């Protein structure tokens, strides 16, 4: 996984205003809801400000950062301040446990996944980007090659991320491609694949942990090069085919493990 690893204390600093910049995309939300199936009780691990928490189910949130907890909207699911690695719940307490765009921040990802398996009766659900596909994205490829250094070397090999998840969650773990629409409302790293000008906005970048994890000098140089390429038409010439696409596979994957399929 991408090892940005800000954890709770760092998100108390960089998470300010996160809820305004990172809004759930309804198309991604529909895929999450479908994957939850008939689960009625759901634990959201690394819940942040509550994006993608289904309103029609009984959700409990777990989040280590006080800053993120403070941005949860009125009426959001009840939240417990804790880390993924030591969930304060009994075995089989929930129908499902999910972690959405968060497990790369955990201090011990394997321990967190074991905890999710322990507390979930029916299924465990993950949503994240396959780190082995990170070099394919134009922002990384052309402007932020240092992003690759944030990925543990083992995960840079194509297929390794999925193979490890199958080892940890069970051999019959399923993976679904989650295409990202050109007007995606969730501002994660690759969400602006057809809107390159968005990355020039410091407010957009402030909601993406990669830009906090890289040296500021490297980010500034990358953004200035992107700005120049956009002004001079080089980006459009290089990536013209993207402008014709309504959605794109940026490596986002939904990982579903049925509790009875472990081992």
Protein backbone atom coordinates (compact mmCIF):
# COMPACT_ATOMS: atom_id res chain seq x y z
CA UNK A 1 0.00 0.00 0.00
CA UNK A 2 0.97 3.63 -0.30
CA UNK A 3 2.71 4.39 2.95
CA UNK A 4 1.57 7.93 3.67
CA UNK A 5 0.79 6.81 7.24
CA UNK A 6 -0.33 10.07 8.79
CA UNK A 7 -2.37 8.31 11.48
CA UNK A 8 -4.52 10.09 14.01
CA UNK A 9 -2.18 12.83 15.30
CA UNK A 10 -1.06 13.95 11.82
CA UNK A 11 -4.63 14.06 10.56
CA UNK A 12 -5.38 16.36 13.49
CA UNK A 13 -3.10 18.76 11.58
CA UNK A 14 -3.66 18.05 7.87
CA UNK A 15 -7.31 17.03 8.11
CA UNK A 16 -8.65 20.55 8.65
CA UNK A 17 -11.41 21.27 6.14
CA UNK A 18 -11.26 17.68 4.89
CA UNK A 19 -15.03 17.21 5.03
CA UNK A 20 -15.57 20.07 2.59
CA UNK A 21 -13.05 18.80 0.05
CA UNK A 22 -13.74 15.07 0.20
CA UNK A 23 -17.42 14.52 -0.60
CA UNK A 24 -18.76 11.04 -1.31
CA UNK A 25 -19.34 10.31 -4.98
CA UNK A 26 -22.81 8.71 -5.38
CA UNK A 27 -21.65 6.30 -8.09
CA UNK A 28 -18.90 4.93 -5.88
CA UNK A 29 -21.33 4.91 -2.98
CA UNK A 30 -23.76 2.75 -4.95
CA UNK A 31 -21.07 0.13 -5.52
CA UNK A 32 -20.21 0.09 -1.83
CA UNK A 33 -23.87 -0.29 -0.87
CA UNK A 34 -24.29 -3.18 -3.31
CA UNK A 35 -21.19 -4.92 -1.94
CA UNK A 36 -22.52 -4.64 1.62
CA UNK A 37 -25.46 -6.76 0.48
CA UNK A 38 -27.91 -7.56 3.25
CA UNK A 39 -25.60 -6.45 6.06
CA UNK A 40 -27.59 -4.41 8.57
CA UNK A 41 -24.89 -3.56 11.12
CA UNK A 42 -21.71 -2.06 9.66
CA UNK A 43 -18.43 -0.97 11.24
CA UNK A 44 -16.60 1.77 9.33
CA UNK A 45 -12.89 1.61 10.19
CA UNK A 46 -10.83 4.74 9.61
CA UNK A 47 -14.14 6.48 9.07
CA UNK A 48 -12.89 10.06 8.78
CA UNK A 49 -15.74 12.51 8.28
CA UNK A 50 -18.21 9.77 7.38
CA UNK A 51 -18.13 9.62 3.58
CA UNK A 52 -19.97 6.64 2.12
CA UNK A 53 -21.59 5.60 5.39
CA UNK A 54 -24.97 4.19 4.30
CA UNK A 55 -27.92 5.99 5.89
CA UNK A 56 -30.19 2.94 5.70
CA UNK A 57 -28.06 0.73 7.97
CA UNK A 58 -26.86 0.75 11.55
CA UNK A 59 -23.33 2.12 11.25
CA UNK A 60 -20.67 2.48 13.94
CA UNK A 61 -17.59 4.50 13.05
CA UNK A 62 -14.02 4.14 14.30
CA UNK A 63 -11.59 7.02 13.74
CA UNK A 64 -8.31 7.89 15.52
CA UNK A 65 -8.19 11.62 14.65
CA UNK A 66 -10.06 14.12 16.82
CA UNK A 67 -9.90 16.65 13.97
CA UNK A 68 -11.70 14.28 11.62
CA UNK A 69 -14.25 13.30 14.27
CA UNK A 70 -15.02 16.96 14.82
CA UNK A 71 -15.93 17.36 11.15
CA UNK A 72 -18.49 14.58 11.12
CA UNK A 73 -21.85 16.15 10.19
CA UNK A 74 -24.88 16.32 12.50
CA UNK A 75 -26.74 13.02 12.42
CA UNK A 76 -23.66 11.02 11.40
CA UNK A 77 -23.15 7.55 12.81
CA UNK A 78 -21.83 7.31 16.38
CA UNK A 79 -18.04 7.28 16.44
CA UNK A 80 -15.43 5.72 18.71
CA UNK A 81 -11.95 7.24 18.79
CA UNK A 82 -9.64 4.28 18.25
CA UNK A 83 -7.20 2.75 15.78
CA UNK A 84 -7.85 -0.11 13.38
CA UNK A 85 -5.21 -2.27 15.03
CA UNK A 86 -7.17 -2.65 18.29
CA UNK A 87 -10.90 -2.41 17.72
CA UNK A 88 -12.83 -2.10 21.01
CA UNK A 89 -15.54 -4.59 20.07
CA UNK A 90 -16.27 -8.25 20.74
CA UNK A 91 -15.85 -10.96 18.11
CA UNK A 92 -18.61 -11.05 15.47
CA UNK A 93 -20.13 -7.77 16.66
CA UNK A 94 -21.15 -6.56 13.18
CA UNK A 95 -22.53 -8.04 9.99
CA UNK A 96 -19.83 -6.24 8.00
CA UNK A 97 -16.68 -4.19 8.53
CA UNK A 98 -15.48 -1.77 5.88
CA UNK A 99 -12.43 0.44 5.37
CA UNK A 100 -12.72 3.00 2.59
CA UNK A 101 -9.60 4.74 1.28
CA UNK A 102 -8.05 4.43 4.72
CA UNK A 103 -6.07 1.23 5.27
CA UNK A 104 -2.88 2.71 3.73
CA UNK A 105 -2.78 5.10 6.70
CA UNK A 106 -2.81 2.42 9.41
CA UNK A 107 0.33 1.87 11.42
CA UNK A 108 -0.03 -1.93 11.12
CA UNK A 109 -2.22 -2.85 8.16
CA UNK A 110 -2.09 -6.60 8.73
CA UNK A 111 -3.20 -6.18 12.35
CA UNK A 112 -6.05 -3.92 11.24
CA UNK A 113 -7.29 -6.44 8.70
CA UNK A 114 -7.15 -9.21 11.29
CA UNK A 115 -9.25 -7.05 13.60
CA UNK A 116 -11.82 -6.45 10.86
CA UNK A 117 -12.08 -10.18 10.24
CA UNK A 118 -12.51 -10.74 13.96
CA UNK A 119 -15.42 -8.34 14.46
CA UNK A 120 -17.29 -9.01 11.18
CA UNK A 121 -19.77 -11.91 11.04
CA UNK A 122 -20.43 -11.88 7.28
CA UNK A 123 -18.05 -9.80 5.21
CA UNK A 124 -15.11 -7.44 5.13
CA UNK A 125 -15.02 -4.69 2.54
CA UNK A 126 -12.06 -2.57 1.42
CA UNK A 127 -11.93 0.27 -1.08
CA UNK A 128 -8.54 1.50 -2.18
CA UNK A 129 -6.24 1.94 -5.15
CA UNK A 130 -3.99 -0.91 -6.26
CA UNK A 131 -0.50 0.53 -5.59
CA UNK A 132 0.99 -1.61 -8.37
CA UNK A 133 -0.96 0.51 -10.86
CA UNK A 134 0.18 3.87 -9.46
CA UNK A 135 2.92 4.38 -12.09
CA UNK A 136 0.27 4.23 -14.84
CA UNK A 137 -1.46 7.42 -13.75
CA UNK A 138 -0.28 10.48 -15.68
CA UNK A 139 0.17 12.65 -12.58
CA UNK A 140 2.62 10.15 -11.11
CA UNK A 141 4.23 9.25 -14.42
CA UNK A 142 4.83 12.77 -15.71
CA UNK A 143 5.02 14.98 -12.62
CA UNK A 144 5.27 13.15 -9.27
CA UNK A 145 7.56 10.14 -9.73
CA UNK A 146 8.49 10.50 -6.06
CA UNK A 147 5.06 9.12 -5.24
CA UNK A 148 6.42 5.68 -6.10
CA UNK A 149 8.90 5.99 -3.23
CA UNK A 150 5.97 6.21 -0.81
CA UNK A 151 4.89 2.71 -1.83
CA UNK A 152 6.64 -0.16 -0.04
CA UNK A 153 8.82 -1.92 -2.59
CA UNK A 154 6.93 -5.21 -2.39
CA UNK A 155 3.70 -3.54 -3.52
CA UNK A 156 5.27 -1.91 -6.55
CA UNK A 157 5.14 -5.25 -8.33
CA UNK A 158 1.91 -5.72 -10.25
CA UNK A 159 -0.32 -8.29 -8.63
CA UNK A 160 1.43 -8.30 -5.26
CA UNK A 161 -1.22 -6.18 -3.48
CA UNK A 162 -4.04 -8.48 -4.55
CA UNK A 163 -2.03 -11.59 -3.73
CA UNK A 164 -1.35 -10.39 -0.20
CA UNK A 165 -4.98 -9.49 0.38
CA UNK A 166 -5.98 -13.01 -0.66
CA UNK A 167 -3.42 -14.39 1.81
CA UNK A 168 -4.79 -12.23 4.63
CA UNK A 169 -8.51 -12.32 3.86
CA UNK A 170 -8.98 -15.68 2.16
CA UNK A 171 -8.43 -17.37 -1.18
CA UNK A 172 -11.90 -16.55 -2.50
CA UNK A 173 -11.60 -12.81 -1.91
CA UNK A 174 -13.16 -10.91 -4.83
CA UNK A 175 -11.90 -7.76 -6.54
CA UNK A 176 -14.10 -5.35 -8.49
CA UNK A 177 -12.89 -2.52 -10.69
CA UNK A 178 -14.43 0.79 -9.59
CA UNK A 179 -14.34 3.19 -12.56
CA UNK A 180 -14.06 6.85 -11.63
CA UNK A 181 -16.32 9.34 -13.42
CA UNK A 182 -14.82 12.46 -15.00
CA UNK A 183 -16.83 14.62 -12.57
CA UNK A 184 -16.16 12.55 -9.43
CA UNK A 185 -17.05 14.55 -6.31
CA UNK A 186 -14.57 12.76 -4.05
CA UNK A 187 -11.20 14.48 -4.23
CA UNK A 188 -8.79 11.56 -3.79
CA UNK A 189 -5.45 11.45 -5.61
CA UNK A 190 -6.60 10.23 -9.04
CA UNK A 191 -10.15 11.63 -8.94
CA UNK A 192 -9.21 14.52 -11.23
CA UNK A 193 -7.83 12.34 -14.02
CA UNK A 194 -9.71 14.41 -16.66
CA UNK A 195 -9.49 17.72 -14.79
CA UNK A 196 -5.76 18.44 -14.54
CA UNK A 197 -6.29 22.11 -13.66
CA UNK A 198 -7.75 20.98 -10.33
CA UNK A 199 -4.31 19.92 -9.09
CA UNK A 200 -3.14 23.53 -9.40
CA UNK A 201 -5.55 24.47 -6.60
CA UNK A 202 -3.85 24.28 -3.17
CA UNK A 203 -7.26 23.60 -1.59
CA UNK A 204 -7.64 20.47 -3.71
CA UNK A 205 -4.13 19.33 -2.89
CA UNK A 206 -4.69 19.91 0.83
CA UNK A 207 -7.29 17.11 0.84
CA UNK A 208 -4.89 14.57 -0.69
CA UNK A 209 -2.42 12.97 1.72
CA UNK A 210 0.21 12.30 -0.98
CA UNK A 211 0.87 16.02 -1.30
CA UNK A 212 1.51 16.21 2.45
CA UNK A 213 3.80 13.18 2.42
CA UNK A 214 6.10 14.38 -0.37
CA UNK A 215 8.71 17.14 0.14
CA UNK A 216 7.18 20.55 -0.51
CA UNK A 217 9.94 21.41 -3.00
CA UNK A 218 9.08 18.34 -5.07
CA UNK A 219 5.38 19.19 -5.03
CA UNK A 220 6.01 22.82 -5.98
CA UNK A 221 8.20 21.79 -8.92
CA UNK A 222 5.62 19.25 -10.11
CA UNK A 223 2.77 21.76 -9.95
CA UNK A 224 4.77 24.43 -11.77
CA UNK A 225 5.63 21.95 -14.54
CA UNK A 226 1.99 20.90 -14.82
CA UNK A 227 0.89 24.54 -14.95
CA UNK A 228 3.36 25.22 -17.75
CA UNK A 229 2.30 22.13 -19.69
CA UNK A 230 -1.35 23.14 -19.43
CA UNK A 231 -0.65 26.72 -20.50
CA UNK A 232 1.35 25.54 -23.51
CA UNK A 233 -1.06 22.76 -24.53
CA UNK A 234 1.38 19.93 -23.92
CA UNK A 235 -0.91 18.14 -21.45
CA UNK A 236 -3.82 18.19 -23.92
CA UNK A 237 -1.68 16.82 -26.73
CA UNK A 238 -0.23 14.09 -24.53
CA UNK A 239 -3.52 12.97 -22.97
CA UNK A 240 -6.07 13.91 -25.61
CA UNK A 241 -7.82 10.53 -25.43
CA UNK A 242 -8.79 11.09 -21.78
CA UNK A 243 -10.87 14.12 -22.73
CA UNK A 244 -13.20 11.84 -24.68
CA UNK A 245 -13.84 9.44 -21.78
CA UNK A 246 -16.73 9.66 -19.30
CA UNK A 247 -15.07 7.35 -16.78
CA UNK A 248 -11.66 5.78 -16.35
CA UNK A 249 -10.00 2.94 -14.48
CA UNK A 250 -7.49 4.71 -12.24
CA UNK A 251 -6.74 1.56 -10.24
CA UNK A 252 -9.52 1.90 -7.66
CA UNK A 253 -10.66 -1.51 -6.42
CA UNK A 254 -13.43 -2.82 -4.20
CA UNK A 255 -12.26 -5.86 -2.24
CA UNK A 256 -14.92 -8.16 -0.80
CA UNK A 257 -14.27 -11.02 1.59
CA UNK A 258 -17.18 -13.17 2.75
CA UNK A 259 -16.51 -14.35 6.29
CA UNK A 260 -17.22 -17.96 5.35
CA UNK A 261 -14.67 -17.84 2.54
CA UNK A 262 -11.57 -17.40 4.67
CA UNK A 263 -8.67 -19.74 4.39
